[in-house]
Amino acid sequence: MDLRVVRMRLEENEERLSPFAARSKHAKRRIAEEPAQVRTAYQRDRDRILHTKAFRRLKHKTQVFIAPQQDHFVTRMTHTLEVAQVARTIARALNLNEDLTEAAALGHDIGHGPFGHAGEEALAECLPEGFRHNYQSVRVLDVLEGGGKGLNLTLDVLDAIEKSSKAREDIFAEGWGVPNTLEGQVVKTADAIAYVNHDIGDAVRAGLLTERDLPDAAQSELGRTSSERLNALITDLVEASWGATGEMDAGPAVIRFSPRIDAVANELREFMFQRVYFYDLTRAEAERAKRVVIYLFRHFVAQPGRISLDYSIASDPVERRAADYVSGMTDRYALRVARELGCEDAVGFGI
């Protein structure tokens, strides 16, 4: 039996999607390859990302709270899974390509270094060209994984990952660009929906705030529990973005909140920046984490022979190799190596 009929049937099913949805049969890769028998191009990308070593390391990388002792704080992996769930719900509701959405969601944070944004800030200070986790995510998937060959993902998935970051001032601020596909735009927005909500839960768990401390508008418009907020944000986004379905007289094909919920969501996000992300105690811990990352970076620049070839390309400049190696570390591995090297900031820090 020629199992290619399975993939062809899946591609035919995509013709029932919105006219604005991406079609896997049109997806391009940097290097052409024979299509899979029973999976579409985007499904293949999803599976390639899911089976990387970099994806597995997300379970021991910080989301907000660094190397937490408790089991129920969000990690970079659980965040990624929540983003994928939110993004798939939205894509399915708008009749967009769920497989492309899932693949991009699973890969969007794969380039994050240890200690979350603190580690990112440290590496940005170390590298002359700077460091951004979204660009590093593309580098990991397109260059470093697969023994230095990359995964040869579709350009649609790589584009959605590269442009998934958001500027502080607005969830929809262009920042690093607008994804070329509506599916990529869904992932970018789902990321904010997911992290604002689960970071509230972690902040409450850590004793930094209570649900009653949230802005009045957020409580009245979005609800007073995580599930209520998620439902309010997702349903508003689906309704406001209904033009993406391509239905008659549905409006423009854009991903957006209604004006009122957009204002409330951004107010809540800014509240989290002020009360959690840049809270004095949180920042003190972040600054310590930054010093650990800088220490490691400088050590490996001085000792390039100790940089693992599993995390870097031998022909690259030493600074790039050191950044790739350190950014690939989990929190606990970075702390262990730093302690072994004599970094005082790593002693008694985290797990």
C-alpha atoms as a PDB file:
ATOM      1  CA  MET A   1       0.000   0.000   0.000  1.00  0.00           C
ATOM      2  CA  ASP A   2       1.215   3.482  -0.849  1.00  0.00           C
ATOM      3  CA  LEU A   3       0.892   5.320   2.467  1.00  0.00           C
ATOM      4  CA  ARG A   4       1.389   8.684   0.791  1.00  0.00           C
ATOM      5  CA  VAL A   5      -2.385   8.712   0.414  1.00  0.00           C
ATOM      6  CA  VAL A   6      -2.545   9.519   4.142  1.00  0.00           C
ATOM      7  CA  ARG A   7      -0.550  12.731   3.755  1.00  0.00           C
ATOM      8  CA  MET A   8      -2.448  13.672   0.612  1.00  0.00           C
ATOM      9  CA  ARG A   9      -5.732  13.211   2.458  1.00  0.00           C
ATOM     10  CA  LEU A  10      -4.482  15.457   5.270  1.00  0.00           C
ATOM     11  CA  GLU A  11      -3.442  18.084   2.735  1.00  0.00           C
ATOM     12  CA  GLU A  12      -6.854  17.850   1.078  1.00  0.00           C
ATOM     13  CA  ASN A  13      -8.499  18.380   4.469  1.00  0.00           C
ATOM     14  CA  GLU A  14      -6.545  21.623   4.804  1.00  0.00           C
ATOM     15  CA  GLU A  15      -8.491  22.978   1.821  1.00  0.00           C
ATOM     16  CA  ARG A  16     -11.446  23.268   4.211  1.00  0.00           C
ATOM     17  CA  LEU A  17      -9.507  25.711   6.365  1.00  0.00           C
ATOM     18  CA  SER A  18      -9.874  29.469   6.172  1.00  0.00           C
ATOM     19  CA  PRO A  19      -8.701  30.956   2.863  1.00  0.00           C
ATOM     20  CA  PHE A  20      -6.165  32.878   4.973  1.00  0.00           C
ATOM     21  CA  ALA A  21      -4.736  29.749   6.629  1.00  0.00           C
ATOM     22  CA  ALA A  22      -1.320  28.383   5.677  1.00  0.00           C
ATOM     23  CA  ARG A  23      -1.317  25.169   3.613  1.00  0.00           C
ATOM     24  CA  SER A  24       1.352  22.604   4.333  1.00  0.00           C
ATOM     25  CA  LYS A  25       1.573  21.552   0.694  1.00  0.00           C
ATOM     26  CA  HIS A  26       2.920  25.031  -0.087  1.00  0.00           C
ATOM     27  CA  ALA A  27       5.470  25.009   2.743  1.00  0.00           C
ATOM     28  CA  LYS A  28       9.101  25.554   1.729  1.00  0.00           C
ATOM     29  CA  ARG A  29      12.319  24.333   3.343  1.00  0.00           C
ATOM     30  CA  ARG A  30      15.847  25.652   2.828  1.00  0.00           C
ATOM     31  CA  ILE A  31      16.766  22.237   1.464  1.00  0.00           C
ATOM     32  CA  ALA A  32      14.112  20.364  -0.518  1.00  0.00           C
ATOM     33  CA  GLU A  33      13.318  16.894   0.785  1.00  0.00           C
ATOM     34  CA  GLU A  34      10.941  14.052   0.033  1.00  0.00           C
ATOM     35  CA  PRO A  35       7.603  14.585   1.846  1.00  0.00           C
ATOM     36  CA  ALA A  36       6.669  12.230   4.666  1.00  0.00           C
ATOM     37  CA  GLN A  37       4.163   9.493   3.968  1.00  0.00           C
ATOM     38  CA  VAL A  38       1.663   9.961   6.794  1.00  0.00           C
ATOM     39  CA  ARG A  39       2.447  13.486   8.040  1.00  0.00           C
ATOM     40  CA  THR A  40       2.160  16.957   6.563  1.00  0.00           C
ATOM     41  CA  ALA A  41       5.208  19.233   6.451  1.00  0.00           C
ATOM     42  CA  TYR A  42       4.105  21.088   9.595  1.00  0.00           C
ATOM     43  CA  GLN A  43       3.427  17.861  11.473  1.00  0.00           C
ATOM     44  CA  ARG A  44       6.912  16.724  10.569  1.00  0.00           C
ATOM     45  CA  ASP A  45       8.335  19.989  11.939  1.00  0.00           C
ATOM     46  CA  ARG A  46       6.411  19.541  15.173  1.00  0.00           C
ATOM     47  CA  ASP A  47       7.836  16.060  15.653  1.00  0.00           C
ATOM     48  CA  ARG A  48      11.382  17.163  14.863  1.00  0.00           C
ATOM     49  CA  ILE A  49      11.190  19.926  17.480  1.00  0.00           C
ATOM     50  CA  LEU A  50       9.615  17.648  20.069  1.00  0.00           C
ATOM     51  CA  HIS A  51      12.418  15.087  19.762  1.00  0.00           C
ATOM     52  CA  THR A  52      15.340  17.506  20.126  1.00  0.00           C
ATOM     53  CA  LYS A  53      17.644  17.511  23.120  1.00  0.00           C
ATOM     54  CA  ALA A  54      17.060  21.252  23.393  1.00  0.00           C
ATOM     55  CA  PHE A  55      13.337  20.698  23.911  1.00  0.00           C
ATOM     56  CA  ARG A  56      13.940  18.166  26.673  1.00  0.00           C
ATOM     57  CA  ARG A  57      16.194  20.625  28.493  1.00  0.00           C
ATOM     58  CA  LEU A  58      13.325  23.107  28.811  1.00  0.00           C
ATOM     59  CA  LYS A  59      12.015  21.150  31.797  1.00  0.00           C
ATOM     60  CA  HIS A  60      14.953  22.434  33.881  1.00  0.00           C
ATOM     61  CA  LYS A  61      14.995  26.024  32.634  1.00  0.00           C
ATOM     62  CA  THR A  62      13.531  29.001  34.462  1.00  0.00           C
ATOM     63  CA  GLN A  63      10.308  30.726  33.482  1.00  0.00           C
ATOM     64  CA  VAL A  64      10.268  33.499  36.133  1.00  0.00           C
ATOM     65  CA  PHE A  65      11.344  32.051  39.483  1.00  0.00           C
ATOM     66  CA  ILE A  66      14.894  30.750  39.320  1.00  0.00           C
ATOM     67  CA  ALA A  67      15.548  27.096  40.236  1.00  0.00           C
ATOM     68  CA  PRO A  68      12.509  26.909  42.542  1.00  0.00           C
ATOM     69  CA  GLN A  69      12.431  24.404  45.378  1.00  0.00           C
ATOM     70  CA  GLN A  70       8.700  23.712  45.007  1.00  0.00           C
ATOM     71  CA  ASP A  71       7.343  21.347  42.369  1.00  0.00           C
ATOM     72  CA  HIS A  72       4.453  23.472  41.108  1.00  0.00           C
ATOM     73  CA  PHE A  73       6.230  26.525  39.730  1.00  0.00           C
ATOM     74  CA  VAL A  74       6.089  26.911  35.964  1.00  0.00           C
ATOM     75  CA  THR A  75       9.186  25.863  34.016  1.00  0.00           C
ATOM     76  CA  ARG A  76      10.071  26.821  30.482  1.00  0.00           C
ATOM     77  CA  MET A  77       8.681  23.486  29.297  1.00  0.00           C
ATOM     78  CA  THR A  78       5.320  23.730  31.067  1.00  0.00           C
ATOM     79  CA  HIS A  79       5.044  27.287  29.752  1.00  0.00           C
ATOM     80  CA  THR A  80       5.716  26.015  26.231  1.00  0.00           C
ATOM     81  CA  LEU A  81       3.036  23.346  26.555  1.00  0.00           C
ATOM     82  CA  GLU A  82       0.527  25.903  27.834  1.00  0.00           C
ATOM     83  CA  VAL A  83       1.316  28.216  24.902  1.00  0.00           C
ATOM     84  CA  ALA A  84       0.760  25.325  22.501  1.00  0.00           C
ATOM     85  CA  GLN A  85      -2.596  24.525  24.121  1.00  0.00           C
ATOM     86  CA  VAL A  86      -3.818  28.134  24.012  1.00  0.00           C
ATOM     87  CA  ALA A  87      -2.560  28.623  20.453  1.00  0.00           C
ATOM     88  CA  ARG A  88      -4.185  25.433  19.198  1.00  0.00           C
ATOM     89  CA  THR A  89      -7.507  26.390  20.772  1.00  0.00           C
ATOM     90  CA  ILE A  90      -7.441  29.764  19.010  1.00  0.00           C
ATOM     91  CA  ALA A  91      -6.259  28.338  15.679  1.00  0.00           C
ATOM     92  CA  ARG A  92      -8.954  25.674  15.693  1.00  0.00           C
ATOM     93  CA  ALA A  93     -11.656  28.214  16.537  1.00  0.00           C
ATOM     94  CA  LEU A  94     -10.557  30.477  13.673  1.00  0.00           C
ATOM     95  CA  ASN A  95     -10.184  27.550  11.238  1.00  0.00           C
ATOM     96  CA  LEU A  96      -6.451  28.135  10.822  1.00  0.00           C
ATOM     97  CA  ASN A  97      -3.712  25.533  10.460  1.00  0.00           C
ATOM     98  CA  GLU A  98      -3.396  23.895  13.869  1.00  0.00           C
ATOM     99  CA  ASP A  99      -0.288  21.901  12.949  1.00  0.00           C
ATOM    100  CA  LEU A 100       1.717  24.988  11.988  1.00  0.00           C
ATOM    101  CA  THR A 101       0.529  26.703  15.161  1.00  0.00           C
ATOM    102  CA  GLU A 102       1.580  23.783  17.355  1.00  0.00           C
ATOM    103  CA  ALA A 103       5.004  23.424  15.761  1.00  0.00           C
ATOM    104  CA  ALA A 104       5.817  27.114  16.190  1.00  0.00           C
ATOM    105  CA  ALA A 105       4.526  27.130  19.776  1.00  0.00           C
ATOM    106  CA  LEU A 106       6.675  24.150  20.747  1.00  0.00           C
ATOM    107  CA  GLY A 107       9.779  25.796  19.318  1.00  0.00           C
ATOM    108  CA  HIS A 108       9.252  29.441  20.244  1.00  0.00           C
ATOM    109  CA  ASP A 109      11.289  29.400  23.507  1.00  0.00           C
ATOM    110  CA  ILE A 110      13.774  26.652  22.737  1.00  0.00           C
ATOM    111  CA  GLY A 111      16.645  29.158  22.576  1.00  0.00           C
ATOM    112  CA  HIS A 112      16.168  30.488  26.097  1.00  0.00           C
ATOM    113  CA  GLY A 113      19.256  30.191  28.255  1.00  0.00           C
ATOM    114  CA  PRO A 114      19.418  29.274  31.938  1.00  0.00           C
ATOM    115  CA  PHE A 115      17.687  31.584  34.424  1.00  0.00           C
ATOM    116  CA  GLY A 116      15.137  32.937  31.953  1.00  0.00           C
ATOM    117  CA  HIS A 117      15.355  36.585  30.953  1.00  0.00           C
ATOM    118  CA  ALA A 118      18.181  37.171  33.440  1.00  0.00           C
ATOM    119  CA  GLY A 119      20.352  34.762  31.486  1.00  0.00           C
ATOM    120  CA  GLU A 120      19.277  36.412  28.242  1.00  0.00           C
ATOM    121  CA  GLU A 121      20.276  39.838  29.564  1.00  0.00           C
ATOM    122  CA  ALA A 122      23.671  38.513  30.649  1.00  0.00           C
ATOM    123  CA  LEU A 123      24.451  36.956  27.277  1.00  0.00           C
ATOM    124  CA  ALA A 124      23.280  40.115  25.511  1.00  0.00           C
ATOM    125  CA  GLU A 125      25.878  42.040  27.535  1.00  0.00           C
ATOM    126  CA  CYS A 126      28.592  39.503  26.670  1.00  0.00           C
ATOM    127  CA  LEU A 127      28.114  39.238  22.904  1.00  0.00           C
ATOM    128  CA  PRO A 128      28.988  42.281  20.746  1.00  0.00           C
ATOM    129  CA  GLU A 129      26.032  41.514  18.471  1.00  0.00           C
ATOM    130  CA  GLY A 130      23.713  40.985  21.441  1.00  0.00           C
ATOM    131  CA  PHE A 131      21.566  37.971  22.254  1.00  0.00           C
ATOM    132  CA  ARG A 132      17.835  37.419  21.833  1.00  0.00           C
ATOM    133  CA  HIS A 133      16.145  34.160  22.772  1.00  0.00           C
ATOM    134  CA  ASN A 134      13.860  34.216  19.713  1.00  0.00           C
ATOM    135  CA  TYR A 135      16.840  34.495  17.360  1.00  0.00           C
ATOM    136  CA  GLN A 136      18.651  31.844  19.374  1.00  0.00           C
ATOM    137  CA  SER A 137      15.610  29.571  19.066  1.00  0.00           C
ATOM    138  CA  VAL A 138      15.934  29.771  15.292  1.00  0.00           C
ATOM    139  CA  ARG A 139      19.693  29.185  15.558  1.00  0.00           C
ATOM    140  CA  VAL A 140      19.204  26.102  17.732  1.00  0.00           C
ATOM    141  CA  LEU A 141      16.665  24.592  15.359  1.00  0.00           C
ATOM    142  CA  ASP A 142      18.214  25.691  12.078  1.00  0.00           C
ATOM    143  CA  VAL A 143      21.932  25.316  12.878  1.00  0.00           C
ATOM    144  CA  LEU A 144      22.901  23.642  16.159  1.00  0.00           C
ATOM    145  CA  GLU A 145      20.567  20.649  16.418  1.00  0.00           C
ATOM    146  CA  GLY A 146      21.061  17.594  14.245  1.00  0.00           C
ATOM    147  CA  GLY A 147      24.787  17.462  14.872  1.00  0.00           C
ATOM    148  CA  GLY A 148      25.320  20.981  13.545  1.00  0.00           C
ATOM    149  CA  LYS A 149      23.168  20.472  10.456  1.00  0.00           C
ATOM    150  CA  GLY A 150      19.917  21.893  11.791  1.00  0.00           C
ATOM    151  CA  LEU A 151      16.484  20.360  11.387  1.00  0.00           C
ATOM    152  CA  ASN A 152      15.596  21.855   7.992  1.00  0.00           C
ATOM    153  CA  LEU A 153      12.253  23.120   9.279  1.00  0.00           C
ATOM    154  CA  THR A 154       9.782  24.918   7.048  1.00  0.00           C
ATOM    155  CA  LEU A 155      10.294  28.638   6.613  1.00  0.00           C
ATOM    156  CA  ASP A 156       6.806  29.313   8.022  1.00  0.00           C
ATOM    157  CA  VAL A 157       7.691  27.682  11.349  1.00  0.00           C
ATOM    158  CA  LEU A 158      11.058  29.448  11.570  1.00  0.00           C
ATOM    159  CA  ASP A 159       9.435  32.802  10.772  1.00  0.00           C
ATOM    160  CA  ALA A 160       6.793  32.360  13.476  1.00  0.00           C
ATOM    161  CA  ILE A 161       9.468  31.466  16.039  1.00  0.00           C
ATOM    162  CA  GLU A 162      11.780  34.332  15.084  1.00  0.00           C
ATOM    163  CA  LYS A 163       8.983  36.901  15.425  1.00  0.00           C
ATOM    164  CA  SER A 164       7.344  35.489  18.560  1.00  0.00           C
ATOM    165  CA  SER A 165       8.864  38.018  20.997  1.00  0.00           C
ATOM    166  CA  LYS A 166       6.949  41.079  22.156  1.00  0.00           C
ATOM    167  CA  ALA A 167       8.028  44.555  23.226  1.00  0.00           C
ATOM    168  CA  ARG A 168       7.097  45.651  26.739  1.00  0.00           C
ATOM    169  CA  GLU A 169       4.834  48.518  25.694  1.00  0.00           C
ATOM    170  CA  ASP A 170       2.158  46.433  23.963  1.00  0.00           C
ATOM    171  CA  ILE A 171       1.313  42.787  23.305  1.00  0.00           C
ATOM    172  CA  PHE A 172       0.880  43.604  19.619  1.00  0.00           C
ATOM    173  CA  ALA A 173       3.875  45.948  19.306  1.00  0.00           C
ATOM    174  CA  GLU A 174       5.860  44.911  16.254  1.00  0.00           C
ATOM    175  CA  GLY A 175       9.162  44.674  18.108  1.00  0.00           C
ATOM    176  CA  TRP A 176      10.958  41.935  16.173  1.00  0.00           C
ATOM    177  CA  GLY A 177       8.468  41.876  13.326  1.00  0.00           C
ATOM    178  CA  VAL A 178       5.002  40.552  12.547  1.00  0.00           C
ATOM    179  CA  PRO A 179       4.848  36.856  11.593  1.00  0.00           C
ATOM    180  CA  ASN A 180       4.047  36.247   7.933  1.00  0.00           C
ATOM    181  CA  THR A 181       1.241  33.822   8.774  1.00  0.00           C
ATOM    182  CA  LEU A 182      -1.850  34.278  10.918  1.00  0.00           C
ATOM    183  CA  GLU A 183      -0.796  31.091  12.706  1.00  0.00           C
ATOM    184  CA  GLY A 184       2.454  32.765  13.724  1.00  0.00           C
ATOM    185  CA  GLN A 185       0.508  35.770  14.984  1.00  0.00           C
ATOM    186  CA  VAL A 186      -1.682  33.443  17.044  1.00  0.00           C
ATOM    187  CA  VAL A 187       1.400  31.919  18.696  1.00  0.00           C
ATOM    188  CA  LYS A 188       2.807  35.375  19.483  1.00  0.00           C
ATOM    189  CA  THR A 189      -0.415  36.365  21.244  1.00  0.00           C
ATOM    190  CA  ALA A 190      -0.945  32.976  22.924  1.00  0.00           C
ATOM    191  CA  ASP A 191       2.503  33.346  24.494  1.00  0.00           C
ATOM    192  CA  ALA A 192       1.411  36.533  26.290  1.00  0.00           C
ATOM    193  CA  ILE A 193      -1.949  35.054  27.310  1.00  0.00           C
ATOM    194  CA  ALA A 194      -0.238  32.013  28.801  1.00  0.00           C
ATOM    195  CA  TYR A 195       2.639  33.651  30.643  1.00  0.00           C
ATOM    196  CA  VAL A 196       0.668  36.492  32.203  1.00  0.00           C
ATOM    197  CA  ASN A 197      -1.772  33.995  33.675  1.00  0.00           C
ATOM    198  CA  HIS A 198       0.612  31.341  34.934  1.00  0.00           C
ATOM    199  CA  ASP A 199       3.042  33.983  36.224  1.00  0.00           C
ATOM    200  CA  ILE A 200       0.236  35.390  38.360  1.00  0.00           C
ATOM    201  CA  GLY A 201      -0.224  31.934  39.845  1.00  0.00           C
ATOM    202  CA  ASP A 202       3.490  31.591  40.560  1.00  0.00           C
ATOM    203  CA  ALA A 203       3.644  35.069  42.094  1.00  0.00           C
ATOM    204  CA  VAL A 204       0.743  34.206  44.406  1.00  0.00           C
ATOM    205  CA  ARG A 205       2.455  30.911  45.264  1.00  0.00           C
ATOM    206  CA  ALA A 206       5.657  32.815  46.068  1.00  0.00           C
ATOM    207  CA  GLY A 207       3.806  35.280  48.299  1.00  0.00           C
ATOM    208  CA  LEU A 208       4.558  38.335  46.122  1.00  0.00           C
ATOM    209  CA  LEU A 209       0.903  39.216  45.607  1.00  0.00           C
ATOM    210  CA  THR A 210      -2.665  37.966  45.913  1.00  0.00           C
ATOM    211  CA  GLU A 211      -5.426  37.768  43.339  1.00  0.00           C
ATOM    212  CA  ARG A 212      -7.006  40.792  45.021  1.00  0.00           C
ATOM    213  CA  ASP A 213      -3.924  42.892  44.187  1.00  0.00           C
ATOM    214  CA  LEU A 214      -4.567  42.648  40.455  1.00  0.00           C
ATOM    215  CA  PRO A 215      -5.849  45.790  38.701  1.00  0.00           C
ATOM    216  CA  ASP A 216      -9.572  46.391  39.196  1.00  0.00           C
ATOM    217  CA  ALA A 217     -10.215  46.352  35.458  1.00  0.00           C
ATOM    218  CA  ALA A 218      -8.571  42.948  35.118  1.00  0.00           C
ATOM    219  CA  GLN A 219     -10.726  41.518  37.901  1.00  0.00           C
ATOM    220  CA  SER A 220     -13.959  42.983  36.565  1.00  0.00           C
ATOM    221  CA  GLU A 221     -13.349  42.367  32.845  1.00  0.00           C
ATOM    222  CA  LEU A 222     -11.351  39.129  32.889  1.00  0.00           C
ATOM    223  CA  GLY A 223     -12.403  37.450  36.121  1.00  0.00           C
ATOM    224  CA  ARG A 224     -10.822  36.553  39.427  1.00  0.00           C
ATOM    225  CA  THR A 225      -9.342  33.149  38.668  1.00  0.00           C
ATOM    226  CA  SER A 226      -6.819  31.870  36.152  1.00  0.00           C
ATOM    227  CA  SER A 227      -9.425  29.855  34.267  1.00  0.00           C
ATOM    228  CA  GLU A 228     -11.761  32.849  34.054  1.00  0.00           C
ATOM    229  CA  ARG A 229      -8.965  35.081  32.742  1.00  0.00           C
ATOM    230  CA  LEU A 230      -7.868  32.525  30.175  1.00  0.00           C
ATOM    231  CA  ASN A 231     -11.410  32.020  28.952  1.00  0.00           C
ATOM    232  CA  ALA A 232     -12.066  35.771  28.739  1.00  0.00           C
ATOM    233  CA  LEU A 233      -8.871  36.503  26.810  1.00  0.00           C
ATOM    234  CA  ILE A 234      -9.186  33.563  24.418  1.00  0.00           C
ATOM    235  CA  THR A 235     -12.866  34.084  23.618  1.00  0.00           C
ATOM    236  CA  ASP A 236     -12.387  37.829  23.111  1.00  0.00           C
ATOM    237  CA  LEU A 237      -9.445  37.207  20.792  1.00  0.00           C
ATOM    238  CA  VAL A 238     -11.439  34.686  18.753  1.00  0.00           C
ATOM    239  CA  GLU A 239     -14.401  37.036  18.433  1.00  0.00           C
ATOM    240  CA  ALA A 240     -12.289  40.093  17.583  1.00  0.00           C
ATOM    241  CA  SER A 241     -10.237  38.073  15.070  1.00  0.00           C
ATOM    242  CA  TRP A 242     -13.209  36.413  13.383  1.00  0.00           C
ATOM    243  CA  GLY A 243     -12.189  37.915  10.051  1.00  0.00           C
ATOM    244  CA  ALA A 244      -9.356  35.363  10.015  1.00  0.00           C
ATOM    245  CA  THR A 245     -11.956  32.662   9.314  1.00  0.00           C
ATOM    246  CA  GLY A 246     -12.650  34.180   5.912  1.00  0.00           C
ATOM    247  CA  GLU A 247     -16.381  33.977   6.431  1.00  0.00           C
ATOM    248  CA  MET A 248     -18.625  36.401   4.556  1.00  0.00           C
ATOM    249  CA  ASP A 249     -18.500  39.977   5.929  1.00  0.00           C
ATOM    250  CA  ALA A 250     -16.431  38.809   8.924  1.00  0.00           C
ATOM    251  CA  GLY A 251     -14.031  41.761   8.781  1.00  0.00           C
ATOM    252  CA  PRO A 252     -10.259  41.975   8.210  1.00  0.00           C
ATOM    253  CA  ALA A 253      -8.055  38.931   8.660  1.00  0.00           C
ATOM    254  CA  VAL A 254      -6.068  40.092  11.688  1.00  0.00           C
ATOM    255  CA  ILE A 255      -5.312  38.617  15.099  1.00  0.00           C
ATOM    256  CA  ARG A 256      -6.355  41.060  17.807  1.00  0.00           C
ATOM    257  CA  PHE A 257      -8.294  41.691  20.995  1.00  0.00           C
ATOM    258  CA  SER A 258     -11.265  44.000  21.160  1.00  0.00           C
ATOM    259  CA  PRO A 259     -10.139  47.544  22.094  1.00  0.00           C
ATOM    260  CA  ARG A 260     -11.415  47.225  25.684  1.00  0.00           C
ATOM    261  CA  ILE A 261      -9.783  43.858  26.395  1.00  0.00           C
ATOM    262  CA  ASP A 262      -6.599  44.951  24.635  1.00  0.00           C
ATOM    263  CA  ALA A 263      -6.286  47.837  27.109  1.00  0.00           C
ATOM    264  CA  VAL A 264      -7.059  45.600  30.099  1.00  0.00           C
ATOM    265  CA  ALA A 265      -4.616  42.882  28.989  1.00  0.00           C
ATOM    266  CA  ASN A 266      -1.807  45.391  28.539  1.00  0.00           C
ATOM    267  CA  GLU A 267      -2.559  46.988  31.912  1.00  0.00           C
ATOM    268  CA  LEU A 268      -2.361  43.567  33.558  1.00  0.00           C
ATOM    269  CA  ARG A 269       0.882  42.762  31.729  1.00  0.00           C
ATOM    270  CA  GLU A 270       2.467  46.062  32.837  1.00  0.00           C
ATOM    271  CA  PHE A 271       1.308  45.361  36.405  1.00  0.00           C
ATOM    272  CA  MET A 272       3.247  42.081  36.252  1.00  0.00           C
ATOM    273  CA  PHE A 273       6.358  43.866  35.014  1.00  0.00           C
ATOM    274  CA  GLN A 274       6.224  46.285  37.934  1.00  0.00           C
ATOM    275  CA  ARG A 275       5.123  43.922  40.703  1.00  0.00           C
ATOM    276  CA  VAL A 276       6.846  40.665  39.723  1.00  0.00           C
ATOM    277  CA  TYR A 277       9.335  40.788  36.848  1.00  0.00           C
ATOM    278  CA  PHE A 278      11.133  43.876  38.179  1.00  0.00           C
ATOM    279  CA  TYR A 279      10.304  43.488  41.864  1.00  0.00           C
ATOM    280  CA  ASP A 280      13.356  44.208  44.053  1.00  0.00           C
ATOM    281  CA  LEU A 281      13.685  40.669  45.443  1.00  0.00           C
ATOM    282  CA  THR A 282      13.127  39.105  42.035  1.00  0.00           C
ATOM    283  CA  ARG A 283      15.672  41.453  40.461  1.00  0.00           C
ATOM    284  CA  ALA A 284      18.247  40.755  43.181  1.00  0.00           C
ATOM    285  CA  GLU A 285      17.999  37.056  42.372  1.00  0.00           C
ATOM    286  CA  ALA A 286      18.131  37.835  38.660  1.00  0.00           C
ATOM    287  CA  GLU A 287      21.276  39.944  39.043  1.00  0.00           C
ATOM    288  CA  ARG A 288      22.960  37.092  40.859  1.00  0.00           C
ATOM    289  CA  ALA A 289      21.952  34.712  38.076  1.00  0.00           C
ATOM    290  CA  LYS A 290      23.362  37.141  35.515  1.00  0.00           C
ATOM    291  CA  ARG A 291      26.709  37.122  37.279  1.00  0.00           C
ATOM    292  CA  VAL A 292      26.777  33.312  37.105  1.00  0.00           C
ATOM    293  CA  VAL A 293      26.098  33.379  33.350  1.00  0.00           C
ATOM    294  CA  ILE A 294      28.729  36.056  32.729  1.00  0.00           C
ATOM    295  CA  TYR A 295      31.224  34.056  34.791  1.00  0.00           C
ATOM    296  CA  LEU A 296      30.560  30.944  32.701  1.00  0.00           C
ATOM    297  CA  PHE A 297      30.750  32.843  29.423  1.00  0.00           C
ATOM    298  CA  ARG A 298      34.103  34.400  30.295  1.00  0.00           C
ATOM    299  CA  HIS A 299      35.484  31.079  31.492  1.00  0.00           C
ATOM    300  CA  PHE A 300      34.650  29.283  28.254  1.00  0.00           C
ATOM    301  CA  VAL A 301      35.946  32.116  26.096  1.00  0.00           C
ATOM    302  CA  ALA A 302      39.228  31.731  27.960  1.00  0.00           C
ATOM    303  CA  GLN A 303      39.036  27.905  27.814  1.00  0.00           C
ATOM    304  CA  PRO A 304      37.432  27.080  24.425  1.00  0.00           C
ATOM    305  CA  GLY A 305      38.649  23.506  24.594  1.00  0.00           C
ATOM    306  CA  ARG A 306      36.052  22.880  27.305  1.00  0.00           C
ATOM    307  CA  ILE A 307      33.116  23.919  25.104  1.00  0.00           C
ATOM    308  CA  SER A 308      31.029  20.898  24.171  1.00  0.00           C
ATOM    309  CA  LEU A 309      30.711  20.270  20.445  1.00  0.00           C
ATOM    310  CA  ASP A 310      27.174  19.066  21.113  1.00  0.00           C
ATOM    311  CA  TYR A 311      26.202  22.680  21.811  1.00  0.00           C
ATOM    312  CA  SER A 312      28.342  24.621  19.346  1.00  0.00           C
ATOM    313  CA  ILE A 313      29.958  24.764  15.913  1.00  0.00           C
ATOM    314  CA  ALA A 314      33.740  24.303  16.021  1.00  0.00           C
ATOM    315  CA  SER A 315      34.405  26.782  13.204  1.00  0.00           C
ATOM    316  CA  ASP A 316      32.485  29.639  14.841  1.00  0.00           C
ATOM    317  CA  PRO A 317      34.204  32.496  16.716  1.00  0.00           C
ATOM    318  CA  VAL A 318      34.916  31.567  20.333  1.00  0.00           C
ATOM    319  CA  GLU A 319      32.447  34.127  21.719  1.00  0.00           C
ATOM    320  CA  ARG A 320      29.658  32.658  19.622  1.00  0.00           C
ATOM    321  CA  ARG A 321      30.596  29.145  20.702  1.00  0.00           C
ATOM    322  CA  ALA A 322      30.652  30.129  24.373  1.00  0.00           C
ATOM    323  CA  ALA A 323      27.239  31.806  24.066  1.00  0.00           C
ATOM    324  CA  ASP A 324      25.751  28.766  22.335  1.00  0.00           C
ATOM    325  CA  TYR A 325      27.156  26.451  25.000  1.00  0.00           C
ATOM    326  CA  VAL A 326      26.069  28.510  28.007  1.00  0.00           C
ATOM    327  CA  SER A 327      22.640  29.308  26.573  1.00  0.00           C
ATOM    328  CA  GLY A 328      22.029  25.606  26.068  1.00  0.00           C
ATOM    329  CA  MET A 329      22.567  24.848  29.747  1.00  0.00           C
ATOM    330  CA  THR A 330      19.748  24.168  32.181  1.00  0.00           C
ATOM    331  CA  ASP A 331      19.617  26.111  35.440  1.00  0.00           C
ATOM    332  CA  ARG A 332      20.922  23.266  37.524  1.00  0.00           C
ATOM    333  CA  TYR A 333      23.694  22.324  35.095  1.00  0.00           C
ATOM    334  CA  ALA A 334      24.863  25.946  34.875  1.00  0.00           C
ATOM    335  CA  LEU A 335      24.944  26.174  38.680  1.00  0.00           C
ATOM    336  CA  ARG A 336      26.787  22.871  38.990  1.00  0.00           C
ATOM    337  CA  VAL A 337      29.460  23.849  36.475  1.00  0.00           C
ATOM    338  CA  ALA A 338      29.824  27.319  37.993  1.00  0.00           C
ATOM    339  CA  ARG A 339      30.278  25.854  41.480  1.00  0.00           C
ATOM    340  CA  GLU A 340      32.879  23.412  40.211  1.00  0.00           C
ATOM    341  CA  LEU A 341      34.757  26.317  38.634  1.00  0.00           C
ATOM    342  CA  GLY A 342      34.677  28.316  41.862  1.00  0.00           C
ATOM    343  CA  CYS A 343      32.018  30.917  41.104  1.00  0.00           C
ATOM    344  CA  GLU A 344      31.009  32.351  44.489  1.00  0.00           C
ATOM    345  CA  ASP A 345      27.612  33.561  43.208  1.00  0.00           C
ATOM    346  CA  ALA A 346      26.632  29.965  42.436  1.00  0.00           C
ATOM    347  CA  VAL A 347      27.252  28.737  45.998  1.00  0.00           C
ATOM    348  CA  GLY A 348      24.029  28.284  47.963  1.00  0.00           C
ATOM    349  CA  PHE A 349      21.993  29.578  45.035  1.00  0.00           C
ATOM    350  CA  GLY A 350      18.958  27.681  43.754  1.00  0.00           C
ATOM    351  CA  ILE A 351      18.815  23.916  43.921  1.00  0.00           C
END
